[in-house]
Amino acid sequence: MGPTLGPVTEPRRIDLNADLGEGVTDDPGLLAVVTSANVACGYHAGDVATMTAVCEEAVRRGVVVGAQVSYADREHFGRVALDVAYDELRDEVADQVFTLTRIARHAGLPVSYVKPHGALYNRIARDPVQAAAVVEAIRRYDPALPLLTLPGSVAMEAAGEAGIPSVGEGFADRAYTAEGRLVSRREPGAVLHDPEQVAARAVVMATEHRVEAAGGEQVAVEVRSLCVHGDTPGAVDLARAVRTALEHAGVTLEAFA
């Protein structure tokens, strides 16, 4: 069974984020729409030149940036779960945050949060050891940095136990299971492409804190940030549709960090 649904609430403030610096999308186009940018730090995608360009454009657009940390797996775009030792994963995450921080500071802005990417994101939602490694990397680097993660996940629990702030994230363009997890990308229908459908889901998630799972169940999702994947075809159009729908619903678009 999924989480128990709470009462419907009034529209509120929501962050709109996207994955950038991966070399697969229109970064300037997305930065004109989103309020937060998850910047690839070189382990699954990205390089110094790309990170620099994204950070400089983010400054011009007034967009907050976060470190999009991943397994060291450029071959598979960070989408294959790896059995990495605790110490190794902790140090790899810290290295990625440090790398982006150095580049962002040179561009004139801080790194304001950490968001795991791909297989690492999904793994730490259920794996306490890898979740603890990611949280420990943040704690050692800067315990004030929020972790952007799936609501009710093992990662969110680990962050709370370590005194690290966490922020619940929802996915307007992904299918959910009845347990509030993301449907594997290997399954048909895991990624949603229709702008009208994605925008409608975003509004419901932001204003009613729920999402319809793949099986038709209504699942509670307590989110402060919504993601539109930057590597999805038509990502800029999807993000624009989501932003427009949220604004029409009376939701204020605002970075959480």
C-alpha atoms as a PDB file:
ATOM      1  CA  MET A   1       0.000   0.000   0.000  1.00  0.00           C
ATOM      2  CA  GLY A   2       1.165   3.544  -0.664  1.00  0.00           C
ATOM      3  CA  PRO A   3       1.267   6.415   1.833  1.00  0.00           C
ATOM      4  CA  THR A   4      -2.018   7.621   3.285  1.00  0.00           C
ATOM      5  CA  LEU A   5      -3.405  10.620   1.490  1.00  0.00           C
ATOM      6  CA  GLY A   6      -3.658  13.796   3.513  1.00  0.00           C
ATOM      7  CA  PRO A   7      -6.133  16.647   3.133  1.00  0.00           C
ATOM      8  CA  VAL A   8      -6.183  18.758   0.013  1.00  0.00           C
ATOM      9  CA  THR A   9      -4.399  22.069   0.574  1.00  0.00           C
ATOM     10  CA  GLU A  10      -4.348  25.422  -1.151  1.00  0.00           C
ATOM     11  CA  PRO A  11      -1.837  26.160  -3.912  1.00  0.00           C
ATOM     12  CA  ARG A  12       1.602  26.944  -2.562  1.00  0.00           C
ATOM     13  CA  ARG A  13       5.173  27.766  -3.532  1.00  0.00           C
ATOM     14  CA  ILE A  14       7.008  25.195  -5.619  1.00  0.00           C
ATOM     15  CA  ASP A  15      10.448  24.864  -7.136  1.00  0.00           C
ATOM     16  CA  LEU A  16      10.825  23.702 -10.741  1.00  0.00           C
ATOM     17  CA  ASN A  17      14.098  21.928 -11.439  1.00  0.00           C
ATOM     18  CA  ALA A  18      15.758  20.228 -14.402  1.00  0.00           C
ATOM     19  CA  ASP A  19      18.948  18.262 -15.052  1.00  0.00           C
ATOM     20  CA  LEU A  20      21.441  20.391 -16.965  1.00  0.00           C
ATOM     21  CA  GLY A  21      25.020  20.251 -18.188  1.00  0.00           C
ATOM     22  CA  GLU A  22      24.588  16.733 -19.572  1.00  0.00           C
ATOM     23  CA  GLY A  23      25.197  17.655 -23.190  1.00  0.00           C
ATOM     24  CA  VAL A  24      21.841  16.306 -24.331  1.00  0.00           C
ATOM     25  CA  THR A  25      19.452  19.241 -24.103  1.00  0.00           C
ATOM     26  CA  ASP A  26      18.970  22.985 -24.580  1.00  0.00           C
ATOM     27  CA  ASP A  27      20.509  24.258 -21.355  1.00  0.00           C
ATOM     28  CA  PRO A  28      19.862  27.991 -22.004  1.00  0.00           C
ATOM     29  CA  GLY A  29      16.273  27.175 -22.971  1.00  0.00           C
ATOM     30  CA  LEU A  30      15.635  25.302 -19.734  1.00  0.00           C
ATOM     31  CA  LEU A  31      17.383  27.952 -17.639  1.00  0.00           C
ATOM     32  CA  ALA A  32      14.844  30.453 -18.974  1.00  0.00           C
ATOM     33  CA  VAL A  33      12.057  28.359 -17.410  1.00  0.00           C
ATOM     34  CA  VAL A  34      13.246  26.575 -14.257  1.00  0.00           C
ATOM     35  CA  THR A  35      14.055  27.978 -10.830  1.00  0.00           C
ATOM     36  CA  SER A  36      16.744  25.408  -9.936  1.00  0.00           C
ATOM     37  CA  ALA A  37      19.320  23.616 -12.089  1.00  0.00           C
ATOM     38  CA  ASN A  38      20.790  20.216 -11.225  1.00  0.00           C
ATOM     39  CA  VAL A  39      24.237  20.468 -12.804  1.00  0.00           C
ATOM     40  CA  ALA A  40      26.040  17.293 -13.879  1.00  0.00           C
ATOM     41  CA  CYS A  41      29.433  17.185 -12.164  1.00  0.00           C
ATOM     42  CA  GLY A  42      31.416  15.079 -14.615  1.00  0.00           C
ATOM     43  CA  TYR A  43      30.859  11.565 -13.288  1.00  0.00           C
ATOM     44  CA  HIS A  44      27.968  10.607 -15.556  1.00  0.00           C
ATOM     45  CA  ALA A  45      28.095  13.596 -17.908  1.00  0.00           C
ATOM     46  CA  GLY A  46      29.440  17.105 -18.163  1.00  0.00           C
ATOM     47  CA  ASP A  47      32.853  18.739 -18.037  1.00  0.00           C
ATOM     48  CA  VAL A  48      34.424  21.958 -16.791  1.00  0.00           C
ATOM     49  CA  ALA A  49      33.405  23.962 -19.856  1.00  0.00           C
ATOM     50  CA  THR A  50      29.785  22.784 -19.654  1.00  0.00           C
ATOM     51  CA  MET A  51      29.528  23.366 -15.907  1.00  0.00           C
ATOM     52  CA  THR A  52      30.983  26.846 -16.364  1.00  0.00           C
ATOM     53  CA  ALA A  53      28.518  27.715 -19.126  1.00  0.00           C
ATOM     54  CA  VAL A  54      25.520  26.509 -17.117  1.00  0.00           C
ATOM     55  CA  CYS A  55      26.619  28.378 -13.985  1.00  0.00           C
ATOM     56  CA  GLU A  56      27.246  31.616 -15.869  1.00  0.00           C
ATOM     57  CA  GLU A  57      23.846  31.434 -17.562  1.00  0.00           C
ATOM     58  CA  ALA A  58      22.223  30.577 -14.218  1.00  0.00           C
ATOM     59  CA  VAL A  59      23.656  33.773 -12.763  1.00  0.00           C
ATOM     60  CA  ARG A  60      22.178  35.779 -15.626  1.00  0.00           C
ATOM     61  CA  ARG A  61      18.800  34.098 -15.192  1.00  0.00           C
ATOM     62  CA  GLY A  62      18.696  34.159 -11.393  1.00  0.00           C
ATOM     63  CA  VAL A  63      18.507  30.361 -11.224  1.00  0.00           C
ATOM     64  CA  VAL A  64      19.800  28.409  -8.221  1.00  0.00           C
ATOM     65  CA  VAL A  65      22.253  25.576  -8.923  1.00  0.00           C
ATOM     66  CA  GLY A  66      22.727  22.226  -7.213  1.00  0.00           C
ATOM     67  CA  ALA A  67      25.265  19.435  -7.622  1.00  0.00           C
ATOM     68  CA  GLN A  68      23.840  16.500  -9.582  1.00  0.00           C
ATOM     69  CA  VAL A  69      26.029  13.710  -8.204  1.00  0.00           C
ATOM     70  CA  SER A  70      26.244  10.257  -9.746  1.00  0.00           C
ATOM     71  CA  TYR A  71      28.061   6.988  -9.927  1.00  0.00           C
ATOM     72  CA  ALA A  72      31.320   7.238 -11.891  1.00  0.00           C
ATOM     73  CA  ASP A  73      29.714   5.783 -15.013  1.00  0.00           C
ATOM     74  CA  ARG A  74      29.815   7.921 -18.128  1.00  0.00           C
ATOM     75  CA  GLU A  75      29.451   4.828 -20.304  1.00  0.00           C
ATOM     76  CA  HIS A  76      25.912   4.206 -19.088  1.00  0.00           C
ATOM     77  CA  PHE A  77      25.010   7.844 -18.268  1.00  0.00           C
ATOM     78  CA  GLY A  78      24.830   6.943 -14.574  1.00  0.00           C
ATOM     79  CA  ARG A  79      21.785   4.755 -15.099  1.00  0.00           C
ATOM     80  CA  VAL A  80      23.232   1.434 -13.938  1.00  0.00           C
ATOM     81  CA  ALA A  81      23.253   0.688 -10.202  1.00  0.00           C
ATOM     82  CA  LEU A  82      26.796  -0.045  -8.982  1.00  0.00           C
ATOM     83  CA  ASP A  83      27.948  -1.775  -5.826  1.00  0.00           C
ATOM     84  CA  VAL A  84      30.369   0.889  -4.636  1.00  0.00           C
ATOM     85  CA  ALA A  85      32.018   0.641  -1.222  1.00  0.00           C
ATOM     86  CA  TYR A  86      30.812   3.120   1.407  1.00  0.00           C
ATOM     87  CA  ASP A  87      34.076   5.089   1.642  1.00  0.00           C
ATOM     88  CA  GLU A  88      34.510   5.208  -2.121  1.00  0.00           C
ATOM     89  CA  LEU A  89      30.981   6.442  -2.762  1.00  0.00           C
ATOM     90  CA  ARG A  90      31.241   9.026   0.017  1.00  0.00           C
ATOM     91  CA  ASP A  91      34.461  10.417  -1.442  1.00  0.00           C
ATOM     92  CA  GLU A  92      33.138  10.405  -5.007  1.00  0.00           C
ATOM     93  CA  VAL A  93      30.056  12.381  -4.003  1.00  0.00           C
ATOM     94  CA  ALA A  94      32.161  14.888  -2.057  1.00  0.00           C
ATOM     95  CA  ASP A  95      34.516  15.272  -5.024  1.00  0.00           C
ATOM     96  CA  GLN A  96      31.624  16.123  -7.327  1.00  0.00           C
ATOM     97  CA  VAL A  97      30.211  18.721  -4.950  1.00  0.00           C
ATOM     98  CA  PHE A  98      33.657  20.268  -4.545  1.00  0.00           C
ATOM     99  CA  THR A  99      34.219  20.408  -8.309  1.00  0.00           C
ATOM    100  CA  LEU A 100      30.954  22.205  -9.009  1.00  0.00           C
ATOM    101  CA  THR A 101      31.389  24.514  -6.015  1.00  0.00           C
ATOM    102  CA  ARG A 102      34.746  25.724  -7.305  1.00  0.00           C
ATOM    103  CA  ILE A 103      33.296  26.422 -10.759  1.00  0.00           C
ATOM    104  CA  ALA A 104      30.084  27.999  -9.446  1.00  0.00           C
ATOM    105  CA  ARG A 105      31.945  30.323  -7.105  1.00  0.00           C
ATOM    106  CA  HIS A 106      34.070  31.548  -9.986  1.00  0.00           C
ATOM    107  CA  ALA A 107      30.849  32.305 -11.866  1.00  0.00           C
ATOM    108  CA  GLY A 108      29.488  34.179  -8.849  1.00  0.00           C
ATOM    109  CA  LEU A 109      27.017  31.860  -7.167  1.00  0.00           C
ATOM    110  CA  PRO A 110      27.013  29.077  -4.554  1.00  0.00           C
ATOM    111  CA  VAL A 111      26.035  25.433  -4.862  1.00  0.00           C
ATOM    112  CA  SER A 112      22.769  25.403  -2.914  1.00  0.00           C
ATOM    113  CA  TYR A 113      21.821  21.711  -2.717  1.00  0.00           C
ATOM    114  CA  VAL A 114      22.753  18.167  -3.745  1.00  0.00           C
ATOM    115  CA  LYS A 115      20.647  15.893  -5.944  1.00  0.00           C
ATOM    116  CA  PRO A 116      21.740  12.363  -6.856  1.00  0.00           C
ATOM    117  CA  HIS A 117      21.256  11.308 -10.464  1.00  0.00           C
ATOM    118  CA  GLY A 118      19.786   8.258 -12.136  1.00  0.00           C
ATOM    119  CA  ALA A 119      20.644   4.883 -10.634  1.00  0.00           C
ATOM    120  CA  LEU A 120      22.195   6.462  -7.547  1.00  0.00           C
ATOM    121  CA  TYR A 121      18.996   8.423  -6.874  1.00  0.00           C
ATOM    122  CA  ASN A 122      16.902   5.271  -7.055  1.00  0.00           C
ATOM    123  CA  ARG A 123      19.407   3.141  -5.124  1.00  0.00           C
ATOM    124  CA  ILE A 124      19.595   5.424  -2.098  1.00  0.00           C
ATOM    125  CA  ALA A 125      15.803   5.557  -1.959  1.00  0.00           C
ATOM    126  CA  ARG A 126      15.953   1.970  -0.652  1.00  0.00           C
ATOM    127  CA  ASP A 127      19.599   1.170   0.250  1.00  0.00           C
ATOM    128  CA  PRO A 128      20.570   2.417   3.733  1.00  0.00           C
ATOM    129  CA  VAL A 129      24.312   1.898   3.238  1.00  0.00           C
ATOM    130  CA  GLN A 130      24.603   3.879   0.030  1.00  0.00           C
ATOM    131  CA  ALA A 131      22.165   6.474   1.367  1.00  0.00           C
ATOM    132  CA  ALA A 132      24.360   6.911   4.444  1.00  0.00           C
ATOM    133  CA  ALA A 133      27.441   7.335   2.240  1.00  0.00           C
ATOM    134  CA  VAL A 134      25.815  10.124   0.235  1.00  0.00           C
ATOM    135  CA  VAL A 135      24.558  11.833   3.387  1.00  0.00           C
ATOM    136  CA  GLU A 136      27.973  11.551   5.044  1.00  0.00           C
ATOM    137  CA  ALA A 137      29.597  13.179   2.026  1.00  0.00           C
ATOM    138  CA  ILE A 138      27.234  16.125   2.374  1.00  0.00           C
ATOM    139  CA  ARG A 139      27.708  16.287   6.150  1.00  0.00           C
ATOM    140  CA  ARG A 140      31.489  16.399   5.807  1.00  0.00           C
ATOM    141  CA  TYR A 141      31.400  18.952   3.030  1.00  0.00           C
ATOM    142  CA  ASP A 142      28.667  21.288   4.292  1.00  0.00           C
ATOM    143  CA  PRO A 143      25.928  20.023   6.640  1.00  0.00           C
ATOM    144  CA  ALA A 144      23.742  22.973   5.657  1.00  0.00           C
ATOM    145  CA  LEU A 145      23.389  21.729   2.054  1.00  0.00           C
ATOM    146  CA  PRO A 146      19.929  20.194   1.503  1.00  0.00           C
ATOM    147  CA  LEU A 147      19.524  16.796  -0.130  1.00  0.00           C
ATOM    148  CA  LEU A 148      16.883  16.794  -2.871  1.00  0.00           C
ATOM    149  CA  THR A 149      15.333  13.331  -2.850  1.00  0.00           C
ATOM    150  CA  LEU A 150      12.219  11.172  -3.009  1.00  0.00           C
ATOM    151  CA  PRO A 151       9.727  11.801  -0.166  1.00  0.00           C
ATOM    152  CA  GLY A 152       9.610   9.000   2.392  1.00  0.00           C
ATOM    153  CA  SER A 153      12.766   7.390   1.037  1.00  0.00           C
ATOM    154  CA  VAL A 154      15.594   5.784   2.970  1.00  0.00           C
ATOM    155  CA  ALA A 155      17.761   8.705   1.830  1.00  0.00           C
ATOM    156  CA  MET A 156      15.411  11.212   3.429  1.00  0.00           C
ATOM    157  CA  GLU A 157      15.445   9.198   6.668  1.00  0.00           C
ATOM    158  CA  ALA A 158      19.249   9.040   6.630  1.00  0.00           C
ATOM    159  CA  ALA A 159      19.479  12.793   6.099  1.00  0.00           C
ATOM    160  CA  GLY A 160      17.178  13.431   9.048  1.00  0.00           C
ATOM    161  CA  GLU A 161      19.214  11.173  11.319  1.00  0.00           C
ATOM    162  CA  ALA A 162      22.410  12.989  10.325  1.00  0.00           C
ATOM    163  CA  GLY A 163      20.936  16.460  10.786  1.00  0.00           C
ATOM    164  CA  ILE A 164      21.065  17.210   7.056  1.00  0.00           C
ATOM    165  CA  PRO A 165      18.092  19.125   5.632  1.00  0.00           C
ATOM    166  CA  SER A 166      16.159  17.278   2.933  1.00  0.00           C
ATOM    167  CA  VAL A 167      13.625  18.409   0.361  1.00  0.00           C
ATOM    168  CA  GLY A 168      10.931  16.210  -1.158  1.00  0.00           C
ATOM    169  CA  GLU A 169      10.957  16.027  -4.932  1.00  0.00           C
ATOM    170  CA  GLY A 170       8.262  14.994  -7.373  1.00  0.00           C
ATOM    171  CA  PHE A 171       8.566  14.042 -11.040  1.00  0.00           C
ATOM    172  CA  ALA A 172       5.990  15.485 -13.378  1.00  0.00           C
ATOM    173  CA  ASP A 173       7.265  13.428 -16.320  1.00  0.00           C
ATOM    174  CA  ARG A 174       7.727  10.036 -14.666  1.00  0.00           C
ATOM    175  CA  ALA A 175       5.344   7.193 -13.798  1.00  0.00           C
ATOM    176  CA  TYR A 176       5.003   6.155 -10.145  1.00  0.00           C
ATOM    177  CA  THR A 177       4.433   2.838  -8.429  1.00  0.00           C
ATOM    178  CA  ALA A 178       1.739   2.371  -5.789  1.00  0.00           C
ATOM    179  CA  GLU A 179       4.528   2.614  -3.174  1.00  0.00           C
ATOM    180  CA  GLY A 180       5.469   6.124  -4.266  1.00  0.00           C
ATOM    181  CA  ARG A 181       8.638   5.048  -6.098  1.00  0.00           C
ATOM    182  CA  LEU A 182       9.512   5.721  -9.723  1.00  0.00           C
ATOM    183  CA  VAL A 183       8.685   3.099 -12.333  1.00  0.00           C
ATOM    184  CA  SER A 184      11.909   1.705 -13.820  1.00  0.00           C
ATOM    185  CA  ARG A 185      12.915   3.250 -17.129  1.00  0.00           C
ATOM    186  CA  ARG A 186      13.085  -0.300 -18.459  1.00  0.00           C
ATOM    187  CA  GLU A 187       9.287  -0.494 -18.195  1.00  0.00           C
ATOM    188  CA  PRO A 188       7.001   0.880 -20.948  1.00  0.00           C
ATOM    189  CA  GLY A 189       5.387   4.179 -20.033  1.00  0.00           C
ATOM    190  CA  ALA A 190       7.987   5.040 -17.371  1.00  0.00           C
ATOM    191  CA  VAL A 191       8.689   8.430 -18.979  1.00  0.00           C
ATOM    192  CA  LEU A 192       5.798  10.711 -19.938  1.00  0.00           C
ATOM    193  CA  HIS A 193       6.082  12.946 -23.000  1.00  0.00           C
ATOM    194  CA  ASP A 194       2.699  14.620 -23.493  1.00  0.00           C
ATOM    195  CA  PRO A 195       2.967  18.271 -22.299  1.00  0.00           C
ATOM    196  CA  GLU A 196      -0.708  18.487 -21.332  1.00  0.00           C
ATOM    197  CA  GLN A 197      -0.531  15.319 -19.233  1.00  0.00           C
ATOM    198  CA  VAL A 198       2.764  16.276 -17.592  1.00  0.00           C
ATOM    199  CA  ALA A 199       1.500  19.778 -16.775  1.00  0.00           C
ATOM    200  CA  ALA A 200      -1.740  18.451 -15.279  1.00  0.00           C
ATOM    201  CA  ARG A 201       0.188  16.012 -13.072  1.00  0.00           C
ATOM    202  CA  ALA A 202       2.459  18.806 -11.913  1.00  0.00           C
ATOM    203  CA  VAL A 203      -0.478  20.936 -10.792  1.00  0.00           C
ATOM    204  CA  VAL A 204      -2.043  18.080  -8.830  1.00  0.00           C
ATOM    205  CA  MET A 205       1.269  17.243  -7.169  1.00  0.00           C
ATOM    206  CA  ALA A 206       1.889  20.868  -6.211  1.00  0.00           C
ATOM    207  CA  THR A 207      -1.601  21.693  -4.974  1.00  0.00           C
ATOM    208  CA  GLU A 208      -3.025  18.397  -3.731  1.00  0.00           C
ATOM    209  CA  HIS A 209       0.175  16.531  -2.797  1.00  0.00           C
ATOM    210  CA  ARG A 210      -0.776  13.390  -4.693  1.00  0.00           C
ATOM    211  CA  VAL A 211      -0.060  11.595  -7.955  1.00  0.00           C
ATOM    212  CA  GLU A 212      -1.813   8.879  -9.881  1.00  0.00           C
ATOM    213  CA  ALA A 213       0.326   5.743  -9.937  1.00  0.00           C
ATOM    214  CA  ALA A 214       0.714   3.523 -12.992  1.00  0.00           C
ATOM    215  CA  GLY A 215      -1.979   1.189 -11.655  1.00  0.00           C
ATOM    216  CA  GLY A 216      -4.465   4.009 -11.056  1.00  0.00           C
ATOM    217  CA  GLU A 217      -3.866   4.344  -7.301  1.00  0.00           C
ATOM    218  CA  GLN A 218      -3.688   7.798  -5.732  1.00  0.00           C
ATOM    219  CA  VAL A 219      -0.381   8.139  -3.883  1.00  0.00           C
ATOM    220  CA  ALA A 220       0.587  10.917  -1.476  1.00  0.00           C
ATOM    221  CA  VAL A 221       3.668  12.923  -2.482  1.00  0.00           C
ATOM    222  CA  GLU A 222       4.766  15.720  -0.153  1.00  0.00           C
ATOM    223  CA  VAL A 223       6.968  17.737  -2.485  1.00  0.00           C
ATOM    224  CA  ARG A 224       8.613  21.161  -2.470  1.00  0.00           C
ATOM    225  CA  SER A 225      10.277  20.735  -5.864  1.00  0.00           C
ATOM    226  CA  LEU A 226       9.145  19.305  -9.198  1.00  0.00           C
ATOM    227  CA  CYS A 227      11.523  17.908 -11.807  1.00  0.00           C
ATOM    228  CA  VAL A 228      11.300  17.867 -15.580  1.00  0.00           C
ATOM    229  CA  HIS A 229      14.102  15.721 -16.980  1.00  0.00           C
ATOM    230  CA  GLY A 230      16.486  17.632 -19.199  1.00  0.00           C
ATOM    231  CA  ASP A 231      17.272  14.614 -21.369  1.00  0.00           C
ATOM    232  CA  THR A 232      13.630  13.972 -22.282  1.00  0.00           C
ATOM    233  CA  PRO A 233      12.838  14.877 -25.921  1.00  0.00           C
ATOM    234  CA  GLY A 234      11.061  18.224 -25.970  1.00  0.00           C
ATOM    235  CA  ALA A 235      12.240  19.014 -22.433  1.00  0.00           C
ATOM    236  CA  VAL A 236      11.988  22.785 -22.866  1.00  0.00           C
ATOM    237  CA  ASP A 237       8.410  22.559 -24.145  1.00  0.00           C
ATOM    238  CA  LEU A 238       7.502  20.258 -21.258  1.00  0.00           C
ATOM    239  CA  ALA A 239       9.048  22.622 -18.724  1.00  0.00           C
ATOM    240  CA  ARG A 240       7.234  25.621 -20.238  1.00  0.00           C
ATOM    241  CA  ALA A 241       3.924  23.753 -20.143  1.00  0.00           C
ATOM    242  CA  VAL A 242       4.484  22.819 -16.499  1.00  0.00           C
ATOM    243  CA  ARG A 243       5.434  26.346 -15.481  1.00  0.00           C
ATOM    244  CA  THR A 244       2.483  27.886 -17.300  1.00  0.00           C
ATOM    245  CA  ALA A 245       0.021  25.424 -15.752  1.00  0.00           C
ATOM    246  CA  LEU A 246       1.410  25.962 -12.256  1.00  0.00           C
ATOM    247  CA  GLU A 247       1.199  29.738 -12.581  1.00  0.00           C
ATOM    248  CA  HIS A 248      -2.378  29.519 -13.901  1.00  0.00           C
ATOM    249  CA  ALA A 249      -3.206  27.384 -10.844  1.00  0.00           C
ATOM    250  CA  GLY A 250      -1.963  30.118  -8.539  1.00  0.00           C
ATOM    251  CA  VAL A 251       1.283  28.382  -7.589  1.00  0.00           C
ATOM    252  CA  THR A 252       4.288  30.623  -7.034  1.00  0.00           C
ATOM    253  CA  LEU A 253       7.438  29.362  -8.729  1.00  0.00           C
ATOM    254  CA  GLU A 254      10.305  29.782  -6.297  1.00  0.00           C
ATOM    255  CA  ALA A 255      13.565  27.959  -5.603  1.00  0.00           C
ATOM    256  CA  PHE A 256      13.569  26.046  -2.330  1.00  0.00           C
ATOM    257  CA  ALA A 257      17.192  26.889  -1.533  1.00  0.00           C
END
